[in-house]
Amino acid sequence: MKSVLAVIIAIVLMTIILPMLLIFSCDIAQPSIEIKEPQVSNEVFIRVYRKNSQRVEEIALEEYVKGVVASEMPASFEYDALKAQAIAARTKAIFQKIKYGDAGKPAHPGAEVCDGVHCQVYKSKEQLKTLHSEAWMRDFWPKIENVVEETKGLVLTYEGKVIDPLYHSTSGGRTENSEDVFTSMAPYLRSVDSPYEQESKHLEDQVVISTNEFITKVNNSYKKSGLTANNIKDSLEILQRSEGGKITKMKVGDEVLTGRNIRELLGLKSANFKITISGDSMTFTTRGNGHGVGMSQYGANGMARNGYNFEDILKHYYRGVDLEEYR
């Protein structure tokens, strides 16, 4: 009888109790495994050549745009002018990213942009803290952050392609056709009126130089000019101006130069100038500040003050463009 009972107990252990113990022990020994999907980031980065350190930094696009807006336009400007600047700055970066690809721009290999005026000025938040007061960072940095966040991803396109959105400080009343200043014609960079620039510090400027210094500088750079103190008054003549007022052809001695040549030679604010000779001195009276192509920053601020929004501003200075989200 005892042997039969032992057999029954053994059967119960083998068929019921032991499998249950195995199941429970497996549940305890094997924790659940979470299968993670791969992380996909849509964030765009820009490679920036930092001139001081001579290194390339990879910076998130929107952070880069904040640093450009803070460096290229006074933070006290109207909200919609700053928005227009943010979109122009973002578009410029993306244009160069598309154009130059992985190799980067030839002037700074490995980077699409540099942090200077050669591309567009960029300063990090840390740099801005050293340049500005605590009050500036408190009052204006959040404004710049909001401007960039509210225009996030927006770029300017012409016929579906990202444009090269040139901009400058002050046009002097009318902007320039691109081909009148640079070598190529861009259909979106047309000469337009810029009537709201009255608050610009550089609407009109003057540079006074001695006739001897002018003669020396011209003769050193343009050997065939043949300028002398005796012939200078009869040897200067404006031959042609652009639609925007810049000098495109100018007789200087035996040479024909451009207003841009003289602007670079003397460090003038603009190639739109008049010359007055009095005794041994020459006065160059300029209108505007910069190359004059694309968006006038002071003009944009004036438009914003007169009720125009950022889209109005951009479509005024860049003809036939659309606003699209860059992906």
C-alpha atoms as a PDB file:
ATOM      1  CA  MET A   1       0.000   0.000   0.000  1.00  0.00           C
ATOM      2  CA  LYS A   2       2.811   2.385   0.870  1.00  0.00           C
ATOM      3  CA  SER A   3       4.511   1.623  -2.442  1.00  0.00           C
ATOM      4  CA  VAL A   4       1.337   2.475  -4.366  1.00  0.00           C
ATOM      5  CA  LEU A   5       0.990   5.770  -2.463  1.00  0.00           C
ATOM      6  CA  ALA A   6       4.618   6.612  -3.203  1.00  0.00           C
ATOM      7  CA  VAL A   7       4.055   6.009  -6.902  1.00  0.00           C
ATOM      8  CA  ILE A   8       0.989   8.287  -6.920  1.00  0.00           C
ATOM      9  CA  ILE A   9       2.916  11.070  -5.164  1.00  0.00           C
ATOM     10  CA  ALA A  10       5.769  10.721  -7.621  1.00  0.00           C
ATOM     11  CA  ILE A  11       3.369  10.960 -10.568  1.00  0.00           C
ATOM     12  CA  VAL A  12       1.777  14.139  -9.103  1.00  0.00           C
ATOM     13  CA  LEU A  13       5.215  15.685  -8.596  1.00  0.00           C
ATOM     14  CA  MET A  14       6.327  14.876 -12.143  1.00  0.00           C
ATOM     15  CA  THR A  15       3.166  15.904 -13.991  1.00  0.00           C
ATOM     16  CA  ILE A  16       1.883  18.961 -12.039  1.00  0.00           C
ATOM     17  CA  ILE A  17       4.135  20.428  -9.396  1.00  0.00           C
ATOM     18  CA  LEU A  18       7.480  20.294 -11.260  1.00  0.00           C
ATOM     19  CA  PRO A  19       6.204  21.977 -14.499  1.00  0.00           C
ATOM     20  CA  MET A  20       4.618  24.761 -12.425  1.00  0.00           C
ATOM     21  CA  LEU A  21       7.891  25.376 -10.630  1.00  0.00           C
ATOM     22  CA  LEU A  22       9.734  25.498 -13.941  1.00  0.00           C
ATOM     23  CA  ILE A  23       7.275  28.021 -15.351  1.00  0.00           C
ATOM     24  CA  PHE A  24       7.524  30.291 -12.306  1.00  0.00           C
ATOM     25  CA  SER A  25      11.299  30.047 -12.209  1.00  0.00           C
ATOM     26  CA  CYS A  26      11.528  30.986 -15.898  1.00  0.00           C
ATOM     27  CA  ASP A  27       9.297  34.022 -15.330  1.00  0.00           C
ATOM     28  CA  ILE A  28      11.560  35.232 -12.578  1.00  0.00           C
ATOM     29  CA  ALA A  29      14.838  34.480 -14.331  1.00  0.00           C
ATOM     30  CA  GLN A  30      13.994  36.160 -17.664  1.00  0.00           C
ATOM     31  CA  PRO A  31      13.185  39.899 -17.439  1.00  0.00           C
ATOM     32  CA  SER A  32      11.119  41.503 -20.216  1.00  0.00           C
ATOM     33  CA  ILE A  33      13.121  42.919 -23.158  1.00  0.00           C
ATOM     34  CA  GLU A  34      12.104  46.309 -24.618  1.00  0.00           C
ATOM     35  CA  ILE A  35      12.858  46.572 -28.327  1.00  0.00           C
ATOM     36  CA  LYS A  36      13.837  50.192 -29.023  1.00  0.00           C
ATOM     37  CA  GLU A  37      13.209  51.800 -32.365  1.00  0.00           C
ATOM     38  CA  PRO A  38      16.194  53.659 -33.877  1.00  0.00           C
ATOM     39  CA  GLN A  39      16.299  57.381 -33.036  1.00  0.00           C
ATOM     40  CA  VAL A  40      15.726  59.584 -36.084  1.00  0.00           C
ATOM     41  CA  SER A  41      16.705  63.254 -35.698  1.00  0.00           C
ATOM     42  CA  ASN A  42      15.411  65.906 -38.099  1.00  0.00           C
ATOM     43  CA  GLU A  43      17.706  68.557 -36.660  1.00  0.00           C
ATOM     44  CA  VAL A  44      19.873  70.322 -39.234  1.00  0.00           C
ATOM     45  CA  PHE A  45      23.454  71.287 -38.419  1.00  0.00           C
ATOM     46  CA  ILE A  46      25.724  73.894 -40.015  1.00  0.00           C
ATOM     47  CA  ARG A  47      29.507  73.664 -40.076  1.00  0.00           C
ATOM     48  CA  VAL A  48      31.014  77.026 -39.159  1.00  0.00           C
ATOM     49  CA  TYR A  49      34.655  77.975 -39.641  1.00  0.00           C
ATOM     50  CA  ARG A  50      35.727  79.926 -36.554  1.00  0.00           C
ATOM     51  CA  LYS A  51      38.408  82.381 -37.641  1.00  0.00           C
ATOM     52  CA  ASN A  52      39.979  83.006 -34.246  1.00  0.00           C
ATOM     53  CA  SER A  53      40.460  79.352 -33.348  1.00  0.00           C
ATOM     54  CA  GLN A  54      40.850  78.268 -37.011  1.00  0.00           C
ATOM     55  CA  ARG A  55      38.569  75.334 -36.325  1.00  0.00           C
ATOM     56  CA  VAL A  56      35.300  74.068 -37.743  1.00  0.00           C
ATOM     57  CA  GLU A  57      32.360  73.794 -35.339  1.00  0.00           C
ATOM     58  CA  GLU A  58      29.143  71.924 -36.077  1.00  0.00           C
ATOM     59  CA  ILE A  59      26.253  73.997 -34.735  1.00  0.00           C
ATOM     60  CA  ALA A  60      22.513  73.303 -34.724  1.00  0.00           C
ATOM     61  CA  LEU A  61      20.952  75.459 -37.446  1.00  0.00           C
ATOM     62  CA  GLU A  62      18.505  77.359 -35.226  1.00  0.00           C
ATOM     63  CA  GLU A  63      21.191  78.118 -32.637  1.00  0.00           C
ATOM     64  CA  TYR A  64      23.418  79.358 -35.433  1.00  0.00           C
ATOM     65  CA  VAL A  65      20.640  81.634 -36.715  1.00  0.00           C
ATOM     66  CA  LYS A  66      20.223  83.156 -33.242  1.00  0.00           C
ATOM     67  CA  GLY A  67      23.919  84.022 -33.176  1.00  0.00           C
ATOM     68  CA  VAL A  68      23.733  85.602 -36.633  1.00  0.00           C
ATOM     69  CA  VAL A  69      20.646  87.703 -35.882  1.00  0.00           C
ATOM     70  CA  ALA A  70      22.262  88.982 -32.672  1.00  0.00           C
ATOM     71  CA  SER A  71      25.422  89.889 -34.607  1.00  0.00           C
ATOM     72  CA  GLU A  72      24.041  91.239 -37.880  1.00  0.00           C
ATOM     73  CA  MET A  73      21.103  93.405 -36.771  1.00  0.00           C
ATOM     74  CA  PRO A  74      20.556  95.651 -33.735  1.00  0.00           C
ATOM     75  CA  ALA A  75      18.411  93.735 -31.244  1.00  0.00           C
ATOM     76  CA  SER A  76      16.449  96.933 -30.602  1.00  0.00           C
ATOM     77  CA  PHE A  77      14.986  96.722 -34.112  1.00  0.00           C
ATOM     78  CA  GLU A  78      11.325  95.949 -34.656  1.00  0.00           C
ATOM     79  CA  TYR A  79      10.143  92.371 -34.163  1.00  0.00           C
ATOM     80  CA  ASP A  80       9.217  91.817 -37.808  1.00  0.00           C
ATOM     81  CA  ALA A  81      12.503  93.259 -39.045  1.00  0.00           C
ATOM     82  CA  LEU A  82      14.323  90.745 -36.825  1.00  0.00           C
ATOM     83  CA  LYS A  83      12.108  87.962 -38.164  1.00  0.00           C
ATOM     84  CA  ALA A  84      13.014  88.961 -41.721  1.00  0.00           C
ATOM     85  CA  GLN A  85      16.703  88.906 -40.729  1.00  0.00           C
ATOM     86  CA  ALA A  86      16.317  85.459 -39.137  1.00  0.00           C
ATOM     87  CA  ILE A  87      14.826  84.009 -42.311  1.00  0.00           C
ATOM     88  CA  ALA A  88      17.473  85.662 -44.482  1.00  0.00           C
ATOM     89  CA  ALA A  89      20.258  84.322 -42.234  1.00  0.00           C
ATOM     90  CA  ARG A  90      18.803  80.793 -42.231  1.00  0.00           C
ATOM     91  CA  THR A  91      18.352  80.889 -45.996  1.00  0.00           C
ATOM     92  CA  LYS A  92      21.951  82.020 -46.505  1.00  0.00           C
ATOM     93  CA  ALA A  93      23.256  79.110 -44.443  1.00  0.00           C
ATOM     94  CA  ILE A  94      21.099  76.542 -46.247  1.00  0.00           C
ATOM     95  CA  PHE A  95      21.975  78.015 -49.664  1.00  0.00           C
ATOM     96  CA  GLN A  96      25.678  77.507 -48.933  1.00  0.00           C
ATOM     97  CA  LYS A  97      25.068  74.075 -47.408  1.00  0.00           C
ATOM     98  CA  ILE A  98      23.359  72.957 -50.625  1.00  0.00           C
ATOM     99  CA  LYS A  99      25.848  74.680 -52.933  1.00  0.00           C
ATOM    100  CA  TYR A 100      29.088  73.482 -51.339  1.00  0.00           C
ATOM    101  CA  GLY A 101      28.064  70.119 -49.840  1.00  0.00           C
ATOM    102  CA  ASP A 102      30.442  68.011 -47.785  1.00  0.00           C
ATOM    103  CA  ALA A 103      33.566  69.710 -49.131  1.00  0.00           C
ATOM    104  CA  GLY A 104      32.542  73.096 -47.712  1.00  0.00           C
ATOM    105  CA  LYS A 105      33.226  76.487 -49.246  1.00  0.00           C
ATOM    106  CA  PRO A 106      36.643  76.708 -50.960  1.00  0.00           C
ATOM    107  CA  ALA A 107      37.635  79.710 -48.833  1.00  0.00           C
ATOM    108  CA  HIS A 108      37.197  77.573 -45.700  1.00  0.00           C
ATOM    109  CA  PRO A 109      37.179  73.832 -46.609  1.00  0.00           C
ATOM    110  CA  GLY A 110      35.044  71.587 -44.448  1.00  0.00           C
ATOM    111  CA  ALA A 111      32.608  74.360 -43.486  1.00  0.00           C
ATOM    112  CA  GLU A 112      29.634  75.802 -45.323  1.00  0.00           C
ATOM    113  CA  VAL A 113      30.020  79.202 -43.657  1.00  0.00           C
ATOM    114  CA  CYS A 114      32.543  81.218 -41.675  1.00  0.00           C
ATOM    115  CA  ASP A 115      31.767  83.468 -38.708  1.00  0.00           C
ATOM    116  CA  GLY A 116      32.796  86.743 -40.404  1.00  0.00           C
ATOM    117  CA  VAL A 117      31.432  89.227 -42.929  1.00  0.00           C
ATOM    118  CA  HIS A 118      32.756  87.018 -45.732  1.00  0.00           C
ATOM    119  CA  CYS A 119      29.627  84.908 -45.138  1.00  0.00           C
ATOM    120  CA  GLN A 120      27.617  86.422 -42.288  1.00  0.00           C
ATOM    121  CA  VAL A 121      28.725  87.362 -38.803  1.00  0.00           C
ATOM    122  CA  TYR A 122      28.054  84.731 -36.132  1.00  0.00           C
ATOM    123  CA  LYS A 123      28.756  84.913 -32.404  1.00  0.00           C
ATOM    124  CA  SER A 124      27.872  82.257 -29.852  1.00  0.00           C
ATOM    125  CA  LYS A 125      25.802  83.006 -26.774  1.00  0.00           C
ATOM    126  CA  GLU A 126      28.972  82.875 -24.676  1.00  0.00           C
ATOM    127  CA  GLN A 127      30.661  85.442 -26.938  1.00  0.00           C
ATOM    128  CA  LEU A 128      27.630  87.708 -26.784  1.00  0.00           C
ATOM    129  CA  LYS A 129      27.742  87.621 -22.984  1.00  0.00           C
ATOM    130  CA  THR A 130      31.270  89.032 -23.055  1.00  0.00           C
ATOM    131  CA  LEU A 131      30.322  91.711 -25.601  1.00  0.00           C
ATOM    132  CA  HIS A 132      27.085  92.919 -24.035  1.00  0.00           C
ATOM    133  CA  SER A 133      25.845  93.885 -20.608  1.00  0.00           C
ATOM    134  CA  GLU A 134      23.707  91.723 -18.354  1.00  0.00           C
ATOM    135  CA  ALA A 135      20.806  94.042 -19.168  1.00  0.00           C
ATOM    136  CA  TRP A 136      21.248  93.375 -22.898  1.00  0.00           C
ATOM    137  CA  MET A 137      21.236  89.611 -22.350  1.00  0.00           C
ATOM    138  CA  ARG A 138      18.197  89.894 -20.100  1.00  0.00           C
ATOM    139  CA  ASP A 139      16.185  92.184 -22.362  1.00  0.00           C
ATOM    140  CA  PHE A 140      17.250  91.242 -25.878  1.00  0.00           C
ATOM    141  CA  TRP A 141      18.469  87.642 -25.957  1.00  0.00           C
ATOM    142  CA  PRO A 142      14.971  86.224 -25.189  1.00  0.00           C
ATOM    143  CA  LYS A 143      13.601  88.477 -27.950  1.00  0.00           C
ATOM    144  CA  ILE A 144      16.078  87.003 -30.437  1.00  0.00           C
ATOM    145  CA  GLU A 145      15.281  83.457 -29.288  1.00  0.00           C
ATOM    146  CA  ASN A 146      11.564  84.089 -29.816  1.00  0.00           C
ATOM    147  CA  VAL A 147      12.126  85.597 -33.261  1.00  0.00           C
ATOM    148  CA  VAL A 148      14.084  82.545 -34.387  1.00  0.00           C
ATOM    149  CA  GLU A 149      11.700  80.017 -32.829  1.00  0.00           C
ATOM    150  CA  GLU A 150       8.685  81.690 -34.419  1.00  0.00           C
ATOM    151  CA  THR A 151      10.270  81.463 -37.879  1.00  0.00           C
ATOM    152  CA  LYS A 152      11.822  78.030 -37.327  1.00  0.00           C
ATOM    153  CA  GLY A 153      12.725  76.232 -40.539  1.00  0.00           C
ATOM    154  CA  LEU A 154      11.486  78.961 -42.891  1.00  0.00           C
ATOM    155  CA  VAL A 155      13.645  79.775 -45.917  1.00  0.00           C
ATOM    156  CA  LEU A 156      13.237  81.842 -49.077  1.00  0.00           C
ATOM    157  CA  THR A 157      12.906  80.099 -52.431  1.00  0.00           C
ATOM    158  CA  TYR A 158      12.620  81.206 -56.043  1.00  0.00           C
ATOM    159  CA  GLU A 159      10.956  78.740 -58.400  1.00  0.00           C
ATOM    160  CA  GLY A 160      11.411  76.033 -55.778  1.00  0.00           C
ATOM    161  CA  LYS A 161      15.127  76.618 -55.152  1.00  0.00           C
ATOM    162  CA  VAL A 162      16.702  78.173 -52.055  1.00  0.00           C
ATOM    163  CA  ILE A 163      18.027  81.651 -52.889  1.00  0.00           C
ATOM    164  CA  ASP A 164      21.211  83.495 -51.931  1.00  0.00           C
ATOM    165  CA  PRO A 165      19.630  86.310 -49.879  1.00  0.00           C
ATOM    166  CA  LEU A 166      22.151  89.135 -49.890  1.00  0.00           C
ATOM    167  CA  TYR A 167      21.551  91.954 -47.415  1.00  0.00           C
ATOM    168  CA  HIS A 168      23.228  95.160 -46.304  1.00  0.00           C
ATOM    169  CA  SER A 169      22.876  97.988 -43.797  1.00  0.00           C
ATOM    170  CA  THR A 170      21.439 100.890 -45.814  1.00  0.00           C
ATOM    171  CA  SER A 171      20.771 101.277 -49.540  1.00  0.00           C
ATOM    172  CA  GLY A 172      20.555 105.062 -49.626  1.00  0.00           C
ATOM    173  CA  GLY A 173      16.998 105.044 -50.956  1.00  0.00           C
ATOM    174  CA  ARG A 174      17.105 102.344 -53.619  1.00  0.00           C
ATOM    175  CA  THR A 175      18.697  98.895 -53.760  1.00  0.00           C
ATOM    176  CA  GLU A 176      20.821  97.540 -56.610  1.00  0.00           C
ATOM    177  CA  ASN A 177      20.408  94.960 -59.351  1.00  0.00           C
ATOM    178  CA  SER A 178      22.839  92.146 -58.525  1.00  0.00           C
ATOM    179  CA  GLU A 179      24.668  92.355 -61.860  1.00  0.00           C
ATOM    180  CA  ASP A 180      25.422  96.051 -61.335  1.00  0.00           C
ATOM    181  CA  VAL A 181      27.510  95.201 -58.277  1.00  0.00           C
ATOM    182  CA  PHE A 182      28.545  91.568 -58.693  1.00  0.00           C
ATOM    183  CA  THR A 183      29.196  89.433 -61.758  1.00  0.00           C
ATOM    184  CA  SER A 184      25.936  87.490 -62.030  1.00  0.00           C
ATOM    185  CA  MET A 185      22.281  88.390 -62.508  1.00  0.00           C
ATOM    186  CA  ALA A 186      19.791  86.929 -60.012  1.00  0.00           C
ATOM    187  CA  PRO A 187      16.106  87.432 -60.910  1.00  0.00           C
ATOM    188  CA  TYR A 188      15.116  87.889 -57.259  1.00  0.00           C
ATOM    189  CA  LEU A 189      17.795  90.543 -56.584  1.00  0.00           C
ATOM    190  CA  ARG A 190      16.251  93.498 -58.420  1.00  0.00           C
ATOM    191  CA  SER A 191      16.566  97.210 -57.727  1.00  0.00           C
ATOM    192  CA  VAL A 192      13.649  98.414 -55.566  1.00  0.00           C
ATOM    193  CA  ASP A 193      12.799 101.552 -53.640  1.00  0.00           C
ATOM    194  CA  SER A 194      13.803 101.586 -49.976  1.00  0.00           C
ATOM    195  CA  PRO A 195      11.972 104.627 -48.612  1.00  0.00           C
ATOM    196  CA  TYR A 196      12.055 104.014 -44.845  1.00  0.00           C
ATOM    197  CA  GLU A 197      15.744 104.405 -44.039  1.00  0.00           C
ATOM    198  CA  GLN A 198      15.655 107.824 -42.372  1.00  0.00           C
ATOM    199  CA  GLU A 199      16.894 106.484 -39.019  1.00  0.00           C
ATOM    200  CA  SER A 200      20.051 104.960 -40.486  1.00  0.00           C
ATOM    201  CA  LYS A 201      23.299 106.466 -39.222  1.00  0.00           C
ATOM    202  CA  HIS A 202      24.784 105.903 -42.669  1.00  0.00           C
ATOM    203  CA  LEU A 203      22.122 107.336 -44.912  1.00  0.00           C
ATOM    204  CA  GLU A 204      24.744 109.952 -45.751  1.00  0.00           C
ATOM    205  CA  ASP A 205      28.409 110.014 -44.787  1.00  0.00           C
ATOM    206  CA  GLN A 206      31.542 111.975 -45.669  1.00  0.00           C
ATOM    207  CA  VAL A 207      35.201 111.092 -46.045  1.00  0.00           C
ATOM    208  CA  VAL A 208      37.783 113.866 -46.491  1.00  0.00           C
ATOM    209  CA  ILE A 209      41.179 113.012 -47.978  1.00  0.00           C
ATOM    210  CA  SER A 210      44.049 115.091 -49.333  1.00  0.00           C
ATOM    211  CA  THR A 211      44.449 115.188 -53.112  1.00  0.00           C
ATOM    212  CA  ASN A 212      48.035 113.941 -52.752  1.00  0.00           C
ATOM    213  CA  GLU A 213      46.923 110.881 -50.770  1.00  0.00           C
ATOM    214  CA  PHE A 214      44.194 110.130 -53.337  1.00  0.00           C
ATOM    215  CA  ILE A 215      46.679 110.441 -56.226  1.00  0.00           C
ATOM    216  CA  THR A 216      49.165 108.152 -54.480  1.00  0.00           C
ATOM    217  CA  LYS A 217      46.582 105.477 -53.704  1.00  0.00           C
ATOM    218  CA  VAL A 218      45.178 105.476 -57.232  1.00  0.00           C
ATOM    219  CA  ASN A 219      48.589 105.415 -58.937  1.00  0.00           C
ATOM    220  CA  ASN A 220      49.828 102.602 -56.677  1.00  0.00           C
ATOM    221  CA  SER A 221      46.811 100.419 -57.471  1.00  0.00           C
ATOM    222  CA  TYR A 222      46.204 101.443 -61.083  1.00  0.00           C
ATOM    223  CA  LYS A 223      49.560 102.029 -62.741  1.00  0.00           C
ATOM    224  CA  LYS A 224      48.178 103.429 -66.007  1.00  0.00           C
ATOM    225  CA  SER A 225      46.024 106.133 -64.416  1.00  0.00           C
ATOM    226  CA  GLY A 226      48.654 108.846 -64.770  1.00  0.00           C
ATOM    227  CA  LEU A 227      47.048 111.083 -62.136  1.00  0.00           C
ATOM    228  CA  THR A 228      48.936 114.233 -61.068  1.00  0.00           C
ATOM    229  CA  ALA A 229      48.140 117.277 -58.975  1.00  0.00           C
ATOM    230  CA  ASN A 230      47.962 119.290 -62.200  1.00  0.00           C
ATOM    231  CA  ASN A 231      45.470 117.112 -64.079  1.00  0.00           C
ATOM    232  CA  ILE A 232      43.290 115.713 -61.291  1.00  0.00           C
ATOM    233  CA  LYS A 233      40.370 118.132 -61.700  1.00  0.00           C
ATOM    234  CA  ASP A 234      40.098 117.405 -65.417  1.00  0.00           C
ATOM    235  CA  SER A 235      40.777 113.683 -65.018  1.00  0.00           C
ATOM    236  CA  LEU A 236      37.793 112.701 -62.835  1.00  0.00           C
ATOM    237  CA  GLU A 237      34.436 112.098 -64.494  1.00  0.00           C
ATOM    238  CA  ILE A 238      31.378 109.997 -63.583  1.00  0.00           C
ATOM    239  CA  LEU A 239      30.472 108.115 -66.752  1.00  0.00           C
ATOM    240  CA  GLN A 240      27.646 105.846 -65.602  1.00  0.00           C
ATOM    241  CA  ARG A 241      25.474 105.118 -62.583  1.00  0.00           C
ATOM    242  CA  SER A 242      23.346 102.075 -61.836  1.00  0.00           C
ATOM    243  CA  GLU A 243      19.598 102.108 -61.333  1.00  0.00           C
ATOM    244  CA  GLY A 244      20.229 102.285 -57.596  1.00  0.00           C
ATOM    245  CA  GLY A 245      22.663 105.193 -57.886  1.00  0.00           C
ATOM    246  CA  LYS A 246      26.003 103.387 -57.519  1.00  0.00           C
ATOM    247  CA  ILE A 247      28.825 104.454 -59.868  1.00  0.00           C
ATOM    248  CA  THR A 248      29.402 101.702 -62.427  1.00  0.00           C
ATOM    249  CA  LYS A 249      31.898 103.561 -64.641  1.00  0.00           C
ATOM    250  CA  MET A 250      34.190 106.410 -63.683  1.00  0.00           C
ATOM    251  CA  LYS A 251      37.097 108.014 -65.548  1.00  0.00           C
ATOM    252  CA  VAL A 252      40.111 108.358 -63.270  1.00  0.00           C
ATOM    253  CA  GLY A 253      43.039 109.710 -65.250  1.00  0.00           C
ATOM    254  CA  ASP A 254      43.626 107.284 -68.107  1.00  0.00           C
ATOM    255  CA  GLU A 255      41.749 104.439 -66.376  1.00  0.00           C
ATOM    256  CA  VAL A 256      38.035 103.590 -66.288  1.00  0.00           C
ATOM    257  CA  LEU A 257      37.166 102.286 -62.815  1.00  0.00           C
ATOM    258  CA  THR A 258      33.993 101.408 -60.936  1.00  0.00           C
ATOM    259  CA  GLY A 259      32.602 103.061 -57.843  1.00  0.00           C
ATOM    260  CA  ARG A 260      33.319  99.774 -56.081  1.00  0.00           C
ATOM    261  CA  ASN A 261      37.022 100.128 -56.991  1.00  0.00           C
ATOM    262  CA  ILE A 262      37.130 103.572 -55.363  1.00  0.00           C
ATOM    263  CA  ARG A 263      35.014 102.438 -52.420  1.00  0.00           C
ATOM    264  CA  GLU A 264      37.444  99.613 -51.626  1.00  0.00           C
ATOM    265  CA  LEU A 265      40.488 101.801 -52.248  1.00  0.00           C
ATOM    266  CA  LEU A 266      39.366 104.501 -49.796  1.00  0.00           C
ATOM    267  CA  GLY A 267      37.217 102.472 -47.397  1.00  0.00           C
ATOM    268  CA  LEU A 268      34.024 104.330 -48.295  1.00  0.00           C
ATOM    269  CA  LYS A 269      30.641 103.236 -46.945  1.00  0.00           C
ATOM    270  CA  SER A 270      29.111 102.983 -50.410  1.00  0.00           C
ATOM    271  CA  ALA A 271      29.836 103.129 -54.146  1.00  0.00           C
ATOM    272  CA  ASN A 272      27.102 105.775 -54.424  1.00  0.00           C
ATOM    273  CA  PHE A 273      29.081 108.969 -53.906  1.00  0.00           C
ATOM    274  CA  LYS A 274      29.796 112.490 -55.082  1.00  0.00           C
ATOM    275  CA  ILE A 275      33.240 114.119 -55.178  1.00  0.00           C
ATOM    276  CA  THR A 276      34.051 117.718 -54.266  1.00  0.00           C
ATOM    277  CA  ILE A 277      37.582 119.110 -54.686  1.00  0.00           C
ATOM    278  CA  SER A 278      38.473 122.188 -52.660  1.00  0.00           C
ATOM    279  CA  GLY A 279      42.082 123.349 -52.541  1.00  0.00           C
ATOM    280  CA  ASP A 280      44.269 120.427 -51.523  1.00  0.00           C
ATOM    281  CA  SER A 281      41.444 118.246 -50.190  1.00  0.00           C
ATOM    282  CA  MET A 282      38.746 115.996 -51.643  1.00  0.00           C
ATOM    283  CA  THR A 283      35.397 115.238 -50.027  1.00  0.00           C
ATOM    284  CA  PHE A 284      33.559 112.004 -50.860  1.00  0.00           C
ATOM    285  CA  THR A 285      29.883 112.224 -49.846  1.00  0.00           C
ATOM    286  CA  THR A 286      28.341 108.756 -49.817  1.00  0.00           C
ATOM    287  CA  ARG A 287      24.751 107.535 -49.599  1.00  0.00           C
ATOM    288  CA  GLY A 288      24.039 104.220 -47.953  1.00  0.00           C
ATOM    289  CA  ASN A 289      26.228 101.595 -46.320  1.00  0.00           C
ATOM    290  CA  GLY A 290      27.212  98.316 -47.955  1.00  0.00           C
ATOM    291  CA  HIS A 291      26.915  96.784 -51.413  1.00  0.00           C
ATOM    292  CA  GLY A 292      23.256  97.764 -51.724  1.00  0.00           C
ATOM    293  CA  VAL A 293      21.994  94.405 -53.068  1.00  0.00           C
ATOM    294  CA  GLY A 294      19.019  92.606 -51.509  1.00  0.00           C
ATOM    295  CA  MET A 295      17.459  93.566 -48.175  1.00  0.00           C
ATOM    296  CA  SER A 296      18.281  96.882 -46.556  1.00  0.00           C
ATOM    297  CA  GLN A 297      18.325  96.229 -42.803  1.00  0.00           C
ATOM    298  CA  TYR A 298      17.408  99.798 -41.890  1.00  0.00           C
ATOM    299  CA  GLY A 299      14.819  99.742 -44.657  1.00  0.00           C
ATOM    300  CA  ALA A 300      13.368  96.542 -43.181  1.00  0.00           C
ATOM    301  CA  ASN A 301      13.146  98.161 -39.741  1.00  0.00           C
ATOM    302  CA  GLY A 302      11.464 101.222 -41.246  1.00  0.00           C
ATOM    303  CA  MET A 303       8.939  99.031 -43.046  1.00  0.00           C
ATOM    304  CA  ALA A 304       8.181  97.170 -39.800  1.00  0.00           C
ATOM    305  CA  ARG A 305       7.605 100.469 -38.002  1.00  0.00           C
ATOM    306  CA  ASN A 306       5.170 101.435 -40.729  1.00  0.00           C
ATOM    307  CA  GLY A 307       3.043  98.327 -40.243  1.00  0.00           C
ATOM    308  CA  TYR A 308       4.580  95.830 -42.678  1.00  0.00           C
ATOM    309  CA  ASN A 309       5.139  92.274 -41.456  1.00  0.00           C
ATOM    310  CA  PHE A 310       8.195  90.107 -42.081  1.00  0.00           C
ATOM    311  CA  GLU A 311       6.696  88.468 -45.165  1.00  0.00           C
ATOM    312  CA  ASP A 312       5.895  91.879 -46.683  1.00  0.00           C
ATOM    313  CA  ILE A 313       9.479  92.973 -46.035  1.00  0.00           C
ATOM    314  CA  LEU A 314      11.075  89.889 -47.549  1.00  0.00           C
ATOM    315  CA  LYS A 315       8.888  89.866 -50.642  1.00  0.00           C
ATOM    316  CA  HIS A 316       9.606  93.559 -51.207  1.00  0.00           C
ATOM    317  CA  TYR A 317      13.384  93.198 -51.167  1.00  0.00           C
ATOM    318  CA  TYR A 318      13.522  89.724 -52.774  1.00  0.00           C
ATOM    319  CA  ARG A 319      11.289  89.753 -55.843  1.00  0.00           C
ATOM    320  CA  GLY A 320       9.145  86.744 -56.771  1.00  0.00           C
ATOM    321  CA  VAL A 321      10.172  84.613 -53.782  1.00  0.00           C
ATOM    322  CA  ASP A 322       8.180  82.185 -51.649  1.00  0.00           C
ATOM    323  CA  LEU A 323       8.516  81.197 -48.012  1.00  0.00           C
ATOM    324  CA  GLU A 324       8.907  77.469 -47.499  1.00  0.00           C
ATOM    325  CA  GLU A 325       9.877  75.172 -44.629  1.00  0.00           C
ATOM    326  CA  TYR A 326      13.272  73.578 -45.156  1.00  0.00           C
ATOM    327  CA  ARG A 327      13.288  69.821 -44.568  1.00  0.00           C
END
